[in-house]
Amino acid sequence: MTDLCIPLRDFGDQEIAEIQIKVGNKLTKINFRVEFFKWDDNSISHEKRIENLKYAIESYNKNWELVHIYNPRPGSKYIQAMFRQRPVN
């Protein structure tokens, strides 16, 4: 098993959640960040919104990897995506 699901309360734009996990005797720290990307733009097609989101994710800071994209609520102006900080080797 390499993934755990940990429910988190809402946290603000660009805040980082730090989680420490101890497996055996090894303590690991993992950072997560939820970003908000513009979504509700009725002047463009749904396909174009997806294309814009894809571009935003591909050009995101390479020190962070995409973990999850949340479904936007109906009428939401933003879509959220969760990123995990890549380990520093």
Protein backbone atom coordinates (compact mmCIF):
# COMPACT_ATOMS: atom_id res chain seq x y z
CA MET A 1 0.00 0.00 0.00
CA THR A 2 1.47 3.36 -0.99
CA ASP A 3 -1.50 5.74 -0.58
CA LEU A 4 -3.62 6.74 2.39
CA CYS A 5 -6.84 8.75 2.35
CA ILE A 6 -6.88 11.40 5.08
CA PRO A 7 -9.91 13.70 5.20
CA LEU A 8 -8.87 17.33 5.65
CA ARG A 9 -10.99 20.29 6.56
CA ASP A 10 -11.11 23.11 4.06
CA PHE A 11 -8.00 25.19 4.00
CA GLY A 12 -7.39 28.45 2.21
CA ASP A 13 -6.01 29.19 -1.22
CA GLN A 14 -2.30 28.39 -1.46
CA GLU A 15 -2.09 27.06 2.11
CA ILE A 16 0.02 23.95 2.59
CA ALA A 17 -1.09 20.99 4.71
CA GLU A 18 1.87 19.21 6.29
CA ILE A 19 1.42 15.57 7.26
CA GLN A 20 3.98 13.49 9.13
CA ILE A 21 3.75 9.71 8.88
CA LYS A 22 5.83 7.22 10.79
CA VAL A 23 6.30 3.83 9.10
CA GLY A 24 8.36 1.51 11.27
CA ASN A 25 11.05 3.79 12.66
CA LYS A 26 11.12 6.18 9.70
CA LEU A 27 9.32 9.52 9.97
CA THR A 28 8.25 11.05 6.66
CA LYS A 29 6.83 14.54 6.08
CA ILE A 30 4.52 15.12 3.12
CA ASN A 31 3.22 18.51 1.96
CA PHE A 32 -0.03 19.02 0.08
CA ARG A 33 -1.42 22.14 -1.55
CA VAL A 34 -4.85 22.84 -3.04
CA GLU A 35 -4.93 25.35 -5.86
CA PHE A 36 -7.92 27.09 -7.41
CA PHE A 37 -8.06 27.56 -11.17
CA LYS A 38 -10.58 29.73 -13.05
CA TRP A 39 -13.40 27.54 -14.33
CA ASP A 40 -16.69 29.40 -14.87
CA ASP A 41 -16.29 31.27 -18.11
CA ASN A 42 -19.50 30.96 -20.10
CA SER A 43 -17.92 32.65 -23.11
CA ILE A 44 -15.87 29.52 -23.93
CA SER A 45 -16.81 25.88 -24.47
CA HIS A 46 -16.47 23.17 -21.87
CA GLU A 47 -13.68 21.61 -23.97
CA LYS A 48 -11.78 24.91 -23.97
CA ARG A 49 -12.10 25.17 -20.17
CA ILE A 50 -10.62 21.67 -19.88
CA GLU A 51 -7.81 22.62 -22.26
CA ASN A 52 -7.06 25.72 -20.17
CA LEU A 53 -7.01 23.64 -16.98
CA LYS A 54 -4.69 21.10 -18.59
CA TYR A 55 -2.30 23.89 -19.61
CA ALA A 56 -2.37 25.39 -16.09
CA ILE A 57 -1.53 22.01 -14.54
CA GLU A 58 1.23 21.22 -17.05
CA SER A 59 2.87 24.59 -16.44
CA TYR A 60 2.54 24.35 -12.64
CA ASN A 61 5.64 24.34 -10.43
CA LYS A 62 7.49 21.08 -11.22
CA ASN A 63 8.36 20.62 -7.53
CA TRP A 64 4.71 19.66 -7.04
CA GLU A 65 2.83 16.72 -8.62
CA LEU A 66 -0.88 16.54 -9.31
CA VAL A 67 -2.76 14.20 -6.97
CA HIS A 68 -6.43 14.97 -7.55
CA ILE A 69 -8.79 17.27 -9.45
CA TYR A 70 -12.05 17.91 -7.62
CA ASN A 71 -15.39 18.18 -9.40
CA PRO A 72 -16.48 21.81 -9.36
CA ARG A 73 -19.77 22.56 -7.71
CA PRO A 74 -22.53 23.68 -10.09
CA GLY A 75 -22.04 27.36 -10.85
CA SER A 76 -18.58 27.45 -9.26
CA LYS A 77 -16.17 30.02 -10.66
CA TYR A 78 -13.13 27.90 -9.79
CA ILE A 79 -12.02 24.28 -9.95
CA GLN A 80 -9.71 22.88 -7.29
CA ALA A 81 -6.72 20.62 -7.75
CA MET A 82 -4.57 19.03 -5.05
CA PHE A 83 -0.80 18.79 -5.47
CA ARG A 84 1.80 16.87 -3.41
CA GLN A 85 5.31 18.25 -3.02
CA ARG A 86 7.84 15.98 -4.69
CA PRO A 87 10.49 14.54 -2.37
CA VAL A 88 13.88 16.24 -2.45
CA ASN A 89 16.59 13.67 -3.19
